[in-house]
Amino acid sequence: MNTTLAPAAGERVSTPPVRTAAPFAFARFPVAQVVQELYPDKLDERAALVAHHLEQAGETLDAARWHRRAARWAGVHDHAGVLRHWQRARALLATMPESQEVIGLRLGCCALILTLV
């Protein structure tokens, strides 16, 4: 048996398979659910965390909704974060197919961004 770091001539090297980003993104959705279940009384202040994990999981519309919630909470508690959350929600919604809900959310984001700048 070879005890050095380099494989000996003719020795096969077994490496674990390379993981793609897809399983990692899929794992983010349960994290968002766990946060919601663990902190049901603190969802407003945890909204940015939920939004982040939903966004990473590819749940764009839900992520935009949670960014909206985070922006509303930040408006009272984190003035620097307000604009960031509204802009992120707007950017996410811009990637979505148009529907009444998406258009309404986008208009709301734009109107609130205008009040902040």
PDB file of N, CA and C in Angstrom:
ATOM      1  N   MET A   1       0.838  -1.188   0.000  1.00  0.00           N
ATOM      2  CA  MET A   1       0.000   0.000   0.000  1.00  0.00           C
ATOM      3  C   MET A   1       0.876   1.241   0.000  1.00  0.00           C
ATOM      4  N   ASN A   2       0.517   2.209  -0.777  1.00  0.00           N
ATOM      5  CA  ASN A   2       1.256   3.461  -0.909  1.00  0.00           C
ATOM      6  C   ASN A   2       0.863   4.389   0.236  1.00  0.00           C
ATOM      7  N   THR A   3       1.825   4.877   1.020  1.00  0.00           N
ATOM      8  CA  THR A   3       1.529   5.773   2.133  1.00  0.00           C
ATOM      9  C   THR A   3       1.849   7.225   1.815  1.00  0.00           C
ATOM     10  N   THR A   4       2.302   7.507   0.618  1.00  0.00           N
ATOM     11  CA  THR A   4       2.580   8.881   0.229  1.00  0.00           C
ATOM     12  C   THR A   4       1.300   9.524  -0.292  1.00  0.00           C
ATOM     13  N   LEU A   5       1.331  10.816  -0.470  1.00  0.00           N
ATOM     14  CA  LEU A   5       0.164  11.535  -0.975  1.00  0.00           C
ATOM     15  C   LEU A   5      -0.071  11.274  -2.459  1.00  0.00           C
ATOM     16  N   ALA A   6       0.973  11.028  -3.209  1.00  0.00           N
ATOM     17  CA  ALA A   6       0.837  10.781  -4.645  1.00  0.00           C
ATOM     18  C   ALA A   6       0.572   9.302  -4.877  1.00  0.00           C
ATOM     19  N   PRO A   7      -0.295   8.941  -5.840  1.00  0.00           N
ATOM     20  CA  PRO A   7      -0.545   7.522  -6.126  1.00  0.00           C
ATOM     21  C   PRO A   7       0.670   6.893  -6.795  1.00  0.00           C
ATOM     22  N   ALA A   8       0.865   5.629  -6.507  1.00  0.00           N
ATOM     23  CA  ALA A   8       1.968   4.890  -7.130  1.00  0.00           C
ATOM     24  C   ALA A   8       1.603   4.609  -8.581  1.00  0.00           C
ATOM     25  N   ALA A   9       2.605   4.300  -9.385  1.00  0.00           N
ATOM     26  CA  ALA A   9       2.356   4.007 -10.801  1.00  0.00           C
ATOM     27  C   ALA A   9       1.376   2.855 -10.917  1.00  0.00           C
ATOM     28  N   GLY A  10       0.356   3.034 -11.708  1.00  0.00           N
ATOM     29  CA  GLY A  10      -0.639   2.003 -11.932  1.00  0.00           C
ATOM     30  C   GLY A  10      -1.717   1.926 -10.860  1.00  0.00           C
ATOM     31  N   GLU A  11      -1.583   2.682  -9.788  1.00  0.00           N
ATOM     32  CA  GLU A  11      -2.573   2.656  -8.707  1.00  0.00           C
ATOM     33  C   GLU A  11      -3.774   3.531  -9.071  1.00  0.00           C
ATOM     34  N   ARG A  12      -4.957   3.019  -8.873  1.00  0.00           N
ATOM     35  CA  ARG A  12      -6.165   3.787  -9.170  1.00  0.00           C
ATOM     36  C   ARG A  12      -6.496   4.712  -8.011  1.00  0.00           C
ATOM     37  N   VAL A  13      -6.930   5.891  -8.339  1.00  0.00           N
ATOM     38  CA  VAL A  13      -7.326   6.863  -7.322  1.00  0.00           C
ATOM     39  C   VAL A  13      -8.839   6.937  -7.305  1.00  0.00           C
ATOM     40  N   SER A  14      -9.401   6.740  -6.152  1.00  0.00           N
ATOM     41  CA  SER A  14     -10.854   6.800  -6.016  1.00  0.00           C
ATOM     42  C   SER A  14     -11.214   8.132  -5.362  1.00  0.00           C
ATOM     43  N   THR A  15     -11.984   8.937  -6.061  1.00  0.00           N
ATOM     44  CA  THR A  15     -12.416  10.219  -5.503  1.00  0.00           C
ATOM     45  C   THR A  15     -13.931  10.256  -5.483  1.00  0.00           C
ATOM     46  N   PRO A  16     -14.489  10.957  -4.533  1.00  0.00           N
ATOM     47  CA  PRO A  16     -15.945  11.062  -4.497  1.00  0.00           C
ATOM     48  C   PRO A  16     -16.435  11.828  -5.716  1.00  0.00           C
ATOM     49  N   PRO A  17     -17.655  11.563  -6.169  1.00  0.00           N
ATOM     50  CA  PRO A  17     -18.163  12.284  -7.329  1.00  0.00           C
ATOM     51  C   PRO A  17     -18.293  13.775  -7.052  1.00  0.00           C
ATOM     52  N   VAL A  18     -18.092  14.555  -8.073  1.00  0.00           N
ATOM     53  CA  VAL A  18     -18.225  16.005  -7.946  1.00  0.00           C
ATOM     54  C   VAL A  18     -19.702  16.344  -7.865  1.00  0.00           C
ATOM     55  N   ARG A  19     -20.053  17.140  -6.897  1.00  0.00           N
ATOM     56  CA  ARG A  19     -21.447  17.524  -6.746  1.00  0.00           C
ATOM     57  C   ARG A  19     -21.721  18.792  -7.538  1.00  0.00           C
ATOM     58  N   THR A  20     -22.903  18.855  -8.094  1.00  0.00           N
ATOM     59  CA  THR A  20     -23.292  20.045  -8.841  1.00  0.00           C
ATOM     60  C   THR A  20     -24.007  21.010  -7.922  1.00  0.00           C
ATOM     61  N   ALA A  21     -24.281  22.183  -8.416  1.00  0.00           N
ATOM     62  CA  ALA A  21     -24.964  23.202  -7.613  1.00  0.00           C
ATOM     63  C   ALA A  21     -26.421  22.849  -7.392  1.00  0.00           C
ATOM     64  N   ALA A  22     -27.006  22.044  -8.250  1.00  0.00           N
ATOM     65  CA  ALA A  22     -28.438  21.744  -8.149  1.00  0.00           C
ATOM     66  C   ALA A  22     -28.820  21.120  -6.808  1.00  0.00           C
ATOM     67  N   PRO A  23     -28.127  20.068  -6.323  1.00  0.00           N
ATOM     68  CA  PRO A  23     -28.517  19.519  -5.025  1.00  0.00           C
ATOM     69  C   PRO A  23     -28.349  20.538  -3.906  1.00  0.00           C
ATOM     70  N   PHE A  24     -27.340  21.376  -3.988  1.00  0.00           N
ATOM     71  CA  PHE A  24     -27.126  22.399  -2.971  1.00  0.00           C
ATOM     72  C   PHE A  24     -28.282  23.390  -2.972  1.00  0.00           C
ATOM     73  N   ALA A  25     -28.696  23.808  -4.161  1.00  0.00           N
ATOM     74  CA  ALA A  25     -29.813  24.749  -4.254  1.00  0.00           C
ATOM     75  C   ALA A  25     -31.080  24.112  -3.714  1.00  0.00           C
ATOM     76  N   PHE A  26     -31.285  22.832  -4.013  1.00  0.00           N
ATOM     77  CA  PHE A  26     -32.468  22.134  -3.532  1.00  0.00           C
ATOM     78  C   PHE A  26     -32.483  22.080  -2.006  1.00  0.00           C
ATOM     79  N   ALA A  27     -31.323  21.960  -1.401  1.00  0.00           N
ATOM     80  CA  ALA A  27     -31.230  21.880   0.057  1.00  0.00           C
ATOM     81  C   ALA A  27     -31.615  23.196   0.724  1.00  0.00           C
ATOM     82  N   ARG A  28     -31.581  24.306  -0.002  1.00  0.00           N
ATOM     83  CA  ARG A  28     -31.900  25.601   0.590  1.00  0.00           C
ATOM     84  C   ARG A  28     -33.372  25.735   0.953  1.00  0.00           C
ATOM     85  N   PHE A  29     -34.258  25.095   0.168  1.00  0.00           N
ATOM     86  CA  PHE A  29     -35.685  25.218   0.428  1.00  0.00           C
ATOM     87  C   PHE A  29     -36.048  24.695   1.818  1.00  0.00           C
ATOM     88  N   PRO A  30     -35.568  23.488   2.208  1.00  0.00           N
ATOM     89  CA  PRO A  30     -35.876  23.028   3.561  1.00  0.00           C
ATOM     90  C   PRO A  30     -35.332  23.945   4.648  1.00  0.00           C
ATOM     91  N   VAL A  31     -34.205  24.603   4.397  1.00  0.00           N
ATOM     92  CA  VAL A  31     -33.662  25.536   5.386  1.00  0.00           C
ATOM     93  C   VAL A  31     -34.658  26.670   5.614  1.00  0.00           C
ATOM     94  N   ALA A  32     -35.218  27.192   4.545  1.00  0.00           N
ATOM     95  CA  ALA A  32     -36.211  28.259   4.671  1.00  0.00           C
ATOM     96  C   ALA A  32     -37.424  27.772   5.464  1.00  0.00           C
ATOM     97  N   GLN A  33     -37.846  26.542   5.222  1.00  0.00           N
ATOM     98  CA  GLN A  33     -38.978  25.980   5.959  1.00  0.00           C
ATOM     99  C   GLN A  33     -38.646  25.801   7.433  1.00  0.00           C
ATOM    100  N   VAL A  34     -37.446  25.336   7.728  1.00  0.00           N
ATOM    101  CA  VAL A  34     -37.037  25.130   9.119  1.00  0.00           C
ATOM    102  C   VAL A  34     -37.009  26.453   9.870  1.00  0.00           C
ATOM    103  N   VAL A  35     -36.485  27.483   9.252  1.00  0.00           N
ATOM    104  CA  VAL A  35     -36.461  28.806   9.889  1.00  0.00           C
ATOM    105  C   VAL A  35     -37.878  29.244  10.221  1.00  0.00           C
ATOM    106  N   GLN A  36     -38.805  29.034   9.303  1.00  0.00           N
ATOM    107  CA  GLN A  36     -40.194  29.417   9.538  1.00  0.00           C
ATOM    108  C   GLN A  36     -40.812  28.618  10.682  1.00  0.00           C
ATOM    109  N   GLU A  37     -40.457  27.344  10.774  1.00  0.00           N
ATOM    110  CA  GLU A  37     -41.006  26.498  11.832  1.00  0.00           C
ATOM    111  C   GLU A  37     -40.375  26.784  13.187  1.00  0.00           C
ATOM    112  N   LEU A  38     -39.079  27.085  13.212  1.00  0.00           N
ATOM    113  CA  LEU A  38     -38.389  27.326  14.481  1.00  0.00           C
ATOM    114  C   LEU A  38     -38.693  28.689  15.087  1.00  0.00           C
ATOM    115  N   TYR A  39     -38.971  29.667  14.240  1.00  0.00           N
ATOM    116  CA  TYR A  39     -39.159  31.038  14.722  1.00  0.00           C
ATOM    117  C   TYR A  39     -40.488  31.625  14.262  1.00  0.00           C
ATOM    118  N   PRO A  40     -41.612  30.976  14.549  1.00  0.00           N
ATOM    119  CA  PRO A  40     -42.893  31.494  14.043  1.00  0.00           C
ATOM    120  C   PRO A  40     -43.249  32.868  14.601  1.00  0.00           C
ATOM    121  N   ASP A  41     -42.721  33.209  15.764  1.00  0.00           N
ATOM    122  CA  ASP A  41     -43.010  34.509  16.369  1.00  0.00           C
ATOM    123  C   ASP A  41     -41.992  35.578  15.973  1.00  0.00           C
ATOM    124  N   LYS A  42     -40.989  35.226  15.192  1.00  0.00           N
ATOM    125  CA  LYS A  42     -39.949  36.178  14.778  1.00  0.00           C
ATOM    126  C   LYS A  42     -39.752  36.165  13.269  1.00  0.00           C
ATOM    127  N   LEU A  43     -40.807  35.868  12.523  1.00  0.00           N
ATOM    128  CA  LEU A  43     -40.672  35.753  11.065  1.00  0.00           C
ATOM    129  C   LEU A  43     -40.319  37.074  10.402  1.00  0.00           C
ATOM    130  N   ASP A  44     -40.813  38.174  10.930  1.00  0.00           N
ATOM    131  CA  ASP A  44     -40.483  39.464  10.314  1.00  0.00           C
ATOM    132  C   ASP A  44     -38.988  39.738  10.383  1.00  0.00           C
ATOM    133  N   GLU A  45     -38.396  39.518  11.542  1.00  0.00           N
ATOM    134  CA  GLU A  45     -36.968  39.796  11.648  1.00  0.00           C
ATOM    135  C   GLU A  45     -36.106  38.716  11.001  1.00  0.00           C
ATOM    136  N   ARG A  46     -36.659  37.555  10.723  1.00  0.00           N
ATOM    137  CA  ARG A  46     -35.935  36.485  10.026  1.00  0.00           C
ATOM    138  C   ARG A  46     -36.281  36.429   8.532  1.00  0.00           C
ATOM    139  N   ALA A  47     -37.072  37.374   8.075  1.00  0.00           N
ATOM    140  CA  ALA A  47     -37.545  37.367   6.683  1.00  0.00           C
ATOM    141  C   ALA A  47     -36.397  37.424   5.679  1.00  0.00           C
ATOM    142  N   ALA A  48     -35.362  38.179   5.962  1.00  0.00           N
ATOM    143  CA  ALA A  48     -34.225  38.270   5.027  1.00  0.00           C
ATOM    144  C   ALA A  48     -33.529  36.922   4.887  1.00  0.00           C
ATOM    145  N   LEU A  49     -33.413  36.183   5.980  1.00  0.00           N
ATOM    146  CA  LEU A  49     -32.785  34.863   5.939  1.00  0.00           C
ATOM    147  C   LEU A  49     -33.631  33.895   5.119  1.00  0.00           C
ATOM    148  N   VAL A  50     -34.942  33.915   5.339  1.00  0.00           N
ATOM    149  CA  VAL A  50     -35.844  33.056   4.572  1.00  0.00           C
ATOM    150  C   VAL A  50     -35.765  33.424   3.089  1.00  0.00           C
ATOM    151  N   ALA A  51     -35.787  34.729   2.799  1.00  0.00           N
ATOM    152  CA  ALA A  51     -35.709  35.192   1.407  1.00  0.00           C
ATOM    153  C   ALA A  51     -34.430  34.702   0.743  1.00  0.00           C
ATOM    154  N   HIS A  52     -33.331  34.792   1.440  1.00  0.00           N
ATOM    155  CA  HIS A  52     -32.041  34.358   0.896  1.00  0.00           C
ATOM    156  C   HIS A  52     -32.074  32.873   0.518  1.00  0.00           C
ATOM    157  N   HIS A  53     -32.560  32.048   1.425  1.00  0.00           N
ATOM    158  CA  HIS A  53     -32.567  30.609   1.162  1.00  0.00           C
ATOM    159  C   HIS A  53     -33.564  30.240   0.064  1.00  0.00           C
ATOM    160  N   LEU A  54     -34.695  30.915   0.017  1.00  0.00           N
ATOM    161  CA  LEU A  54     -35.645  30.658  -1.062  1.00  0.00           C
ATOM    162  C   LEU A  54     -35.058  31.071  -2.410  1.00  0.00           C
ATOM    163  N   GLU A  55     -34.376  32.207  -2.418  1.00  0.00           N
ATOM    164  CA  GLU A  55     -33.735  32.674  -3.658  1.00  0.00           C
ATOM    165  C   GLU A  55     -32.691  31.671  -4.137  1.00  0.00           C
ATOM    166  N   GLN A  56     -31.872  31.171  -3.224  1.00  0.00           N
ATOM    167  CA  GLN A  56     -30.844  30.196  -3.586  1.00  0.00           C
ATOM    168  C   GLN A  56     -31.450  28.880  -4.060  1.00  0.00           C
ATOM    169  N   ALA A  57     -32.656  28.575  -3.586  1.00  0.00           N
ATOM    170  CA  ALA A  57     -33.340  27.350  -3.994  1.00  0.00           C
ATOM    171  C   ALA A  57     -34.095  27.520  -5.302  1.00  0.00           C
ATOM    172  N   GLY A  58     -34.072  28.739  -5.851  1.00  0.00           N
ATOM    173  CA  GLY A  58     -34.757  28.981  -7.115  1.00  0.00           C
ATOM    174  C   GLY A  58     -36.231  29.288  -6.967  1.00  0.00           C
ATOM    175  N   GLU A  59     -36.685  29.526  -5.753  1.00  0.00           N
ATOM    176  CA  GLU A  59     -38.086  29.868  -5.480  1.00  0.00           C
ATOM    177  C   GLU A  59     -38.235  31.387  -5.581  1.00  0.00           C
ATOM    178  N   THR A  60     -38.193  31.906  -6.800  1.00  0.00           N
ATOM    179  CA  THR A  60     -38.077  33.342  -7.050  1.00  0.00           C
ATOM    180  C   THR A  60     -39.248  34.147  -6.510  1.00  0.00           C
ATOM    181  N   LEU A  61     -40.463  33.745  -6.811  1.00  0.00           N
ATOM    182  CA  LEU A  61     -41.622  34.518  -6.366  1.00  0.00           C
ATOM    183  C   LEU A  61     -41.731  34.529  -4.850  1.00  0.00           C
ATOM    184  N   ASP A  62     -41.561  33.372  -4.222  1.00  0.00           N
ATOM    185  CA  ASP A  62     -41.593  33.330  -2.758  1.00  0.00           C
ATOM    186  C   ASP A  62     -40.451  34.150  -2.159  1.00  0.00           C
ATOM    187  N   ALA A  63     -39.288  34.104  -2.780  1.00  0.00           N
ATOM    188  CA  ALA A  63     -38.156  34.905  -2.296  1.00  0.00           C
ATOM    189  C   ALA A  63     -38.485  36.390  -2.374  1.00  0.00           C
ATOM    190  N   ALA A  64     -39.109  36.816  -3.467  1.00  0.00           N
ATOM    191  CA  ALA A  64     -39.487  38.229  -3.606  1.00  0.00           C
ATOM    192  C   ALA A  64     -40.495  38.622  -2.537  1.00  0.00           C
ATOM    193  N   ARG A  65     -41.444  37.748  -2.243  1.00  0.00           N
ATOM    194  CA  ARG A  65     -42.424  38.033  -1.174  1.00  0.00           C
ATOM    195  C   ARG A  65     -41.720  38.203   0.170  1.00  0.00           C
ATOM    196  N   TRP A  66     -40.754  37.334   0.436  1.00  0.00           N
ATOM    197  CA  TRP A  66     -40.037  37.421   1.707  1.00  0.00           C
ATOM    198  C   TRP A  66     -39.112  38.634   1.751  1.00  0.00           C
ATOM    199  N   HIS A  67     -38.550  39.038   0.610  1.00  0.00           N
ATOM    200  CA  HIS A  67     -37.769  40.287   0.587  1.00  0.00           C
ATOM    201  C   HIS A  67     -38.686  41.471   0.882  1.00  0.00           C
ATOM    202  N   ARG A  68     -39.903  41.430   0.362  1.00  0.00           N
ATOM    203  CA  ARG A  68     -40.872  42.493   0.671  1.00  0.00           C
ATOM    204  C   ARG A  68     -41.126  42.538   2.177  1.00  0.00           C
ATOM    205  N   ARG A  69     -41.317  41.380   2.773  1.00  0.00           N
ATOM    206  CA  ARG A  69     -41.546  41.324   4.224  1.00  0.00           C
ATOM    207  C   ARG A  69     -40.323  41.838   4.979  1.00  0.00           C
ATOM    208  N   ALA A  70     -39.135  41.453   4.514  1.00  0.00           N
ATOM    209  CA  ALA A  70     -37.900  41.924   5.154  1.00  0.00           C
ATOM    210  C   ALA A  70     -37.768  43.437   5.024  1.00  0.00           C
ATOM    211  N   ALA A  71     -38.141  43.978   3.875  1.00  0.00           N
ATOM    212  CA  ALA A  71     -38.064  45.431   3.679  1.00  0.00           C
ATOM    213  C   ALA A  71     -39.020  46.157   4.617  1.00  0.00           C
ATOM    214  N   ARG A  72     -40.202  45.608   4.786  1.00  0.00           N
ATOM    215  CA  ARG A  72     -41.171  46.237   5.703  1.00  0.00           C
ATOM    216  C   ARG A  72     -40.650  46.217   7.130  1.00  0.00           C
ATOM    217  N   TRP A  73     -40.049  45.107   7.546  1.00  0.00           N
ATOM    218  CA  TRP A  73     -39.482  45.035   8.883  1.00  0.00           C
ATOM    219  C   TRP A  73     -38.284  45.973   8.997  1.00  0.00           C
ATOM    220  N   ALA A  74     -37.449  45.997   7.972  1.00  0.00           N
ATOM    221  CA  ALA A  74     -36.256  46.846   7.989  1.00  0.00           C
ATOM    222  C   ALA A  74     -36.622  48.326   8.038  1.00  0.00           C
ATOM    223  N   GLY A  75     -37.775  48.687   7.478  1.00  0.00           N
ATOM    224  CA  GLY A  75     -38.203  50.083   7.507  1.00  0.00           C
ATOM    225  C   GLY A  75     -38.311  50.643   8.903  1.00  0.00           C
ATOM    226  N   VAL A  76     -38.566  49.776   9.857  1.00  0.00           N
ATOM    227  CA  VAL A  76     -38.693  50.191  11.251  1.00  0.00           C
ATOM    228  C   VAL A  76     -37.399  49.946  12.020  1.00  0.00           C
ATOM    229  N   HIS A  77     -36.667  48.892  11.665  1.00  0.00           N
ATOM    230  CA  HIS A  77     -35.539  48.450  12.469  1.00  0.00           C
ATOM    231  C   HIS A  77     -34.173  48.593  11.818  1.00  0.00           C
ATOM    232  N   ASP A  78     -34.115  48.634  10.496  1.00  0.00           N
ATOM    233  CA  ASP A  78     -32.828  48.630   9.785  1.00  0.00           C
ATOM    234  C   ASP A  78     -32.945  49.519   8.555  1.00  0.00           C
ATOM    235  N   HIS A  79     -32.796  50.810   8.761  1.00  0.00           N
ATOM    236  CA  HIS A  79     -33.011  51.766   7.669  1.00  0.00           C
ATOM    237  C   HIS A  79     -32.074  51.531   6.490  1.00  0.00           C
ATOM    238  N   ALA A  80     -30.886  51.046   6.736  1.00  0.00           N
ATOM    239  CA  ALA A  80     -29.944  50.788   5.636  1.00  0.00           C
ATOM    240  C   ALA A  80     -30.387  49.593   4.790  1.00  0.00           C
ATOM    241  N   GLY A  81     -31.104  48.660   5.383  1.00  0.00           N
ATOM    242  CA  GLY A  81     -31.516  47.469   4.663  1.00  0.00           C
ATOM    243  C   GLY A  81     -32.774  47.627   3.831  1.00  0.00           C
ATOM    244  N   VAL A  82     -33.547  48.663   4.086  1.00  0.00           N
ATOM    245  CA  VAL A  82     -34.832  48.841   3.397  1.00  0.00           C
ATOM    246  C   VAL A  82     -34.659  48.869   1.887  1.00  0.00           C
ATOM    247  N   LEU A  83     -33.847  49.768   1.395  1.00  0.00           N
ATOM    248  CA  LEU A  83     -33.659  49.923  -0.041  1.00  0.00           C
ATOM    249  C   LEU A  83     -33.097  48.651  -0.658  1.00  0.00           C
ATOM    250  N   ARG A  84     -32.164  48.009   0.019  1.00  0.00           N
ATOM    251  CA  ARG A  84     -31.557  46.781  -0.493  1.00  0.00           C
ATOM    252  C   ARG A  84     -32.615  45.691  -0.704  1.00  0.00           C
ATOM    253  N   HIS A  85     -33.518  45.523   0.242  1.00  0.00           N
ATOM    254  CA  HIS A  85     -34.541  44.480   0.116  1.00  0.00           C
ATOM    255  C   HIS A  85     -35.555  44.807  -0.977  1.00  0.00           C
ATOM    256  N   TRP A  86     -35.968  46.083  -1.065  1.00  0.00           N
ATOM    257  CA  TRP A  86     -36.907  46.451  -2.132  1.00  0.00           C
ATOM    258  C   TRP A  86     -36.266  46.258  -3.505  1.00  0.00           C
ATOM    259  N   GLN A  87     -35.001  46.631  -3.637  1.00  0.00           N
ATOM    260  CA  GLN A  87     -34.311  46.464  -4.915  1.00  0.00           C
ATOM    261  C   GLN A  87     -34.136  44.986  -5.264  1.00  0.00           C
ATOM    262  N   ARG A  88     -33.836  44.163  -4.273  1.00  0.00           N
ATOM    263  CA  ARG A  88     -33.665  42.734  -4.535  1.00  0.00           C
ATOM    264  C   ARG A  88     -34.988  42.108  -4.953  1.00  0.00           C
ATOM    265  N   ALA A  89     -36.063  42.467  -4.267  1.00  0.00           N
ATOM    266  CA  ALA A  89     -37.383  41.943  -4.630  1.00  0.00           C
ATOM    267  C   ALA A  89     -37.732  42.359  -6.056  1.00  0.00           C
ATOM    268  N   ARG A  90     -37.488  43.612  -6.395  1.00  0.00           N
ATOM    269  CA  ARG A  90     -37.774  44.088  -7.754  1.00  0.00           C
ATOM    270  C   ARG A  90     -36.956  43.327  -8.791  1.00  0.00           C
ATOM    271  N   ALA A  91     -35.683  43.100  -8.516  1.00  0.00           N
ATOM    272  CA  ALA A  91     -34.818  42.371  -9.451  1.00  0.00           C
ATOM    273  C   ALA A  91     -35.291  40.929  -9.634  1.00  0.00           C
ATOM    274  N   LEU A  92     -35.694  40.290  -8.561  1.00  0.00           N
ATOM    275  CA  LEU A  92     -36.208  38.922  -8.675  1.00  0.00           C
ATOM    276  C   LEU A  92     -37.490  38.884  -9.496  1.00  0.00           C
ATOM    277  N   LEU A  93     -38.366  39.826  -9.248  1.00  0.00           N
ATOM    278  CA  LEU A  93     -39.641  39.860  -9.963  1.00  0.00           C
ATOM    279  C   LEU A  93     -39.446  40.143 -11.453  1.00  0.00           C
ATOM    280  N   ALA A  94     -38.386  40.856 -11.789  1.00  0.00           N
ATOM    281  CA  ALA A  94     -38.111  41.161 -13.200  1.00  0.00           C
ATOM    282  C   ALA A  94     -37.791  39.897 -13.998  1.00  0.00           C
ATOM    283  N   THR A  95     -37.404  38.828 -13.315  1.00  0.00           N
ATOM    284  CA  THR A  95     -37.082  37.579 -13.996  1.00  0.00           C
ATOM    285  C   THR A  95     -38.298  36.661 -14.127  1.00  0.00           C
ATOM    286  N   MET A  96     -39.392  37.058 -13.532  1.00  0.00           N
ATOM    287  CA  MET A  96     -40.590  36.201 -13.509  1.00  0.00           C
ATOM    288  C   MET A  96     -41.494  36.477 -14.699  1.00  0.00           C
ATOM    289  N   PRO A  97     -42.229  35.472 -15.157  1.00  0.00           N
ATOM    290  CA  PRO A  97     -43.251  35.717 -16.181  1.00  0.00           C
ATOM    291  C   PRO A  97     -44.322  36.646 -15.599  1.00  0.00           C
ATOM    292  N   GLU A  98     -44.855  37.496 -16.439  1.00  0.00           N
ATOM    293  CA  GLU A  98     -45.831  38.464 -15.948  1.00  0.00           C
ATOM    294  C   GLU A  98     -47.135  37.784 -15.557  1.00  0.00           C
ATOM    295  N   SER A  99     -47.634  38.169 -14.400  1.00  0.00           N
ATOM    296  CA  SER A  99     -48.945  37.763 -13.907  1.00  0.00           C
ATOM    297  C   SER A  99     -49.468  38.951 -13.111  1.00  0.00           C
ATOM    298  N   GLN A 100     -50.706  38.913 -12.722  1.00  0.00           N
ATOM    299  CA  GLN A 100     -51.247  40.030 -11.953  1.00  0.00           C
ATOM    300  C   GLN A 100     -50.479  40.219 -10.656  1.00  0.00           C
ATOM    301  N   GLU A 101     -50.149  39.117  -9.996  1.00  0.00           N
ATOM    302  CA  GLU A 101     -49.417  39.220  -8.738  1.00  0.00           C
ATOM    303  C   GLU A 101     -48.027  39.802  -8.954  1.00  0.00           C
ATOM    304  N   VAL A 102     -47.306  39.308  -9.957  1.00  0.00           N
ATOM    305  CA  VAL A 102     -45.942  39.782 -10.223  1.00  0.00           C
ATOM    306  C   VAL A 102     -45.958  41.261 -10.585  1.00  0.00           C
ATOM    307  N   ILE A 103     -46.886  41.668 -11.437  1.00  0.00           N
ATOM    308  CA  ILE A 103     -46.971  43.085 -11.825  1.00  0.00           C
ATOM    309  C   ILE A 103     -47.289  43.945 -10.612  1.00  0.00           C
ATOM    310  N   GLY A 104     -48.229  43.494  -9.787  1.00  0.00           N
ATOM    311  CA  GLY A 104     -48.576  44.247  -8.577  1.00  0.00           C
ATOM    312  C   GLY A 104     -47.408  44.378  -7.617  1.00  0.00           C
ATOM    313  N   LEU A 105     -46.689  43.292  -7.422  1.00  0.00           N
ATOM    314  CA  LEU A 105     -45.517  43.331  -6.545  1.00  0.00           C
ATOM    315  C   LEU A 105     -44.438  44.254  -7.101  1.00  0.00           C
ATOM    316  N   ARG A 106     -44.205  44.177  -8.426  1.00  0.00           N
ATOM    317  CA  ARG A 106     -43.183  45.044  -9.042  1.00  0.00           C
ATOM    318  C   ARG A 106     -43.546  46.511  -8.904  1.00  0.00           C
ATOM    319  N   LEU A 107     -44.813  46.839  -9.156  1.00  0.00           N
ATOM    320  CA  LEU A 107     -45.242  48.239  -9.012  1.00  0.00           C
ATOM    321  C   LEU A 107     -45.072  48.713  -7.581  1.00  0.00           C
ATOM    322  N   GLY A 108     -45.426  47.852  -6.627  1.00  0.00           N
ATOM    323  CA  GLY A 108     -45.257  48.219  -5.231  1.00  0.00           C
ATOM    324  C   GLY A 108     -43.799  48.459  -4.878  1.00  0.00           C
ATOM    325  N   CYS A 109     -42.925  47.596  -5.378  1.00  0.00           N
ATOM    326  CA  CYS A 109     -41.486  47.762  -5.123  1.00  0.00           C
ATOM    327  C   CYS A 109     -40.985  49.090  -5.701  1.00  0.00           C
ATOM    328  N   CYS A 110     -41.356  49.363  -6.952  1.00  0.00           N
ATOM    329  CA  CYS A 110     -40.909  50.588  -7.611  1.00  0.00           C
ATOM    330  C   CYS A 110     -41.394  51.825  -6.861  1.00  0.00           C
ATOM    331  N   ALA A 111     -42.665  51.810  -6.456  1.00  0.00           N
ATOM    332  CA  ALA A 111     -43.220  52.966  -5.744  1.00  0.00           C
ATOM    333  C   ALA A 111     -42.486  53.191  -4.438  1.00  0.00           C
ATOM    334  N   LEU A 112     -42.198  52.145  -3.705  1.00  0.00           N
ATOM    335  CA  LEU A 112     -41.510  52.303  -2.426  1.00  0.00           C
ATOM    336  C   LEU A 112     -40.051  52.669  -2.608  1.00  0.00           C
ATOM    337  N   ILE A 113     -39.424  52.172  -3.641  1.00  0.00           N
ATOM    338  CA  ILE A 113     -38.037  52.571  -3.920  1.00  0.00           C
ATOM    339  C   ILE A 113     -37.972  54.065  -4.210  1.00  0.00           C
ATOM    340  N   LEU A 114     -38.940  54.563  -4.976  1.00  0.00           N
ATOM    341  CA  LEU A 114     -38.962  55.995  -5.294  1.00  0.00           C
ATOM    342  C   LEU A 114     -39.104  56.854  -4.049  1.00  0.00           C
ATOM    343  N   THR A 115     -39.789  56.370  -3.033  1.00  0.00           N
ATOM    344  CA  THR A 115     -39.938  57.159  -1.803  1.00  0.00           C
ATOM    345  C   THR A 115     -38.651  57.190  -1.002  1.00  0.00           C
ATOM    346  N   LEU A 116     -37.745  56.266  -1.278  1.00  0.00           N
ATOM    347  CA  LEU A 116     -36.511  56.156  -0.500  1.00  0.00           C
ATOM    348  C   LEU A 116     -35.326  56.875  -1.122  1.00  0.00           C
ATOM    349  N   VAL A 117     -35.384  57.099  -2.431  1.00  0.00           N
ATOM    350  CA  VAL A 117     -34.219  57.718  -3.094  1.00  0.00           C
ATOM    351  C   VAL A 117     -34.429  59.193  -3.310  1.00  0.00           C
TER     352      VAL A 117
END
